[in-house]
Amino acid sequence: MTGSASAEWMLGPERDDEGHMTVRLREVQCRDCGETSGANPEQGVTDRWALRHTVDRGHRYYREIISADLVTQPAPTNPLYEQETVR
């Protein structure tokens, strides 16, 4: 996108053509050893990894990491607002 640096912008989730948020990725990281499940859009996959890791290693503390794509769009007060399709 182009425009004036002084124009107002909004930051929000990227959406598909139907207005749905794009796929978010979830990852689980063991707080004891730092190993991770790998990013996956399905929560069940990362949950099963953590449960298996607990059984295999005895580690019980985890961190959830969520990744979502963001996009900037012209704010209603930005001259580009009317020129661009806001998804």
Protein backbone atom coordinates (compact mmCIF):
# COMPACT_ATOMS: atom_id res chain seq x y z
CA MET A 1 0.00 0.00 0.00
CA THR A 2 1.14 3.52 -0.65
CA GLY A 3 0.15 6.76 0.93
CA SER A 4 1.22 9.63 3.08
CA ALA A 5 3.22 8.79 6.20
CA SER A 6 0.97 11.19 8.12
CA ALA A 7 -2.27 9.50 7.04
CA GLU A 8 -4.06 7.34 9.60
CA TRP A 9 -3.87 3.57 9.40
CA MET A 10 -5.46 0.63 11.21
CA LEU A 11 -3.79 -2.68 12.09
CA GLY A 12 -5.95 -5.78 12.29
CA PRO A 13 -6.28 -9.45 11.40
CA GLU A 14 -5.91 -10.43 7.77
CA ARG A 15 -9.21 -11.68 6.33
CA ASP A 16 -10.10 -13.78 3.32
CA ASP A 17 -12.52 -12.65 0.59
CA GLU A 18 -15.49 -13.80 2.70
CA GLY A 19 -14.37 -11.76 5.73
CA HIS A 20 -13.08 -14.68 7.81
CA MET A 21 -9.79 -14.36 9.66
CA THR A 22 -6.97 -16.22 7.95
CA VAL A 23 -5.75 -19.40 9.63
CA ARG A 24 -4.00 -18.85 12.92
CA LEU A 25 -1.19 -21.15 13.91
CA ARG A 26 -0.76 -22.57 17.39
CA GLU A 27 2.43 -23.95 18.85
CA VAL A 28 3.16 -25.41 22.28
CA GLN A 29 6.58 -25.00 23.84
CA CYS A 30 7.88 -26.97 26.81
CA ARG A 31 9.02 -24.52 29.48
CA ASP A 32 11.40 -27.10 30.95
CA CYS A 33 13.49 -27.92 27.86
CA GLY A 34 12.33 -25.50 25.14
CA GLU A 35 11.20 -28.18 22.66
CA THR A 36 8.16 -27.23 20.60
CA SER A 37 5.30 -29.01 18.92
CA GLY A 38 5.79 -27.12 15.68
CA ALA A 39 3.16 -24.70 14.40
CA ASN A 40 -0.18 -26.20 13.41
CA PRO A 41 -3.67 -24.75 12.87
CA GLU A 42 -5.25 -27.72 14.70
CA GLN A 43 -5.24 -27.45 18.49
CA GLY A 44 -5.62 -31.21 18.90
CA VAL A 45 -2.28 -31.81 17.17
CA THR A 46 -0.36 -29.51 19.50
CA ASP A 47 -2.24 -30.75 22.58
CA ARG A 48 -1.37 -34.35 21.76
CA TRP A 49 2.27 -33.38 21.33
CA ALA A 50 2.31 -31.81 24.82
CA LEU A 51 0.64 -34.84 26.39
CA ARG A 52 3.09 -37.21 24.67
CA HIS A 53 6.00 -34.99 25.75
CA THR A 54 4.80 -35.21 29.36
CA VAL A 55 4.67 -39.00 29.15
CA ASP A 56 8.06 -39.29 27.42
CA ARG A 57 10.00 -36.64 29.35
CA GLY A 58 8.01 -35.99 32.52
CA HIS A 59 7.84 -32.25 31.76
CA ARG A 60 4.59 -30.59 32.80
CA TYR A 61 4.86 -26.86 32.08
CA TYR A 62 4.14 -25.43 28.63
CA ARG A 63 3.73 -22.14 26.82
CA GLU A 64 1.13 -21.57 24.10
CA ILE A 65 2.32 -19.49 21.14
CA ILE A 66 -0.30 -18.15 18.73
CA SER A 67 0.61 -16.64 15.36
CA ALA A 68 -1.89 -14.66 13.34
CA ASP A 69 -1.34 -12.69 10.14
CA LEU A 70 -1.97 -8.96 10.43
CA VAL A 71 -2.50 -6.31 7.77
CA THR A 72 -2.60 -2.52 7.77
CA GLN A 73 -5.54 -0.78 6.14
CA PRO A 74 -6.39 2.88 5.64
CA ALA A 75 -8.47 4.31 8.49
CA PRO A 76 -11.76 6.02 7.55
CA THR A 77 -10.00 9.39 7.84
CA ASN A 78 -7.26 8.30 5.38
CA PRO A 79 -7.76 9.56 1.79
CA LEU A 80 -6.99 6.03 0.53
CA TYR A 81 -9.92 4.56 2.50
CA GLU A 82 -12.43 5.15 -0.30
CA GLN A 83 -9.98 4.02 -3.00
CA GLU A 84 -9.13 0.62 -1.54
CA THR A 85 -11.32 -2.34 -0.77
CA VAL A 86 -11.29 -2.88 2.99
CA ARG A 87 -11.35 -6.62 3.65
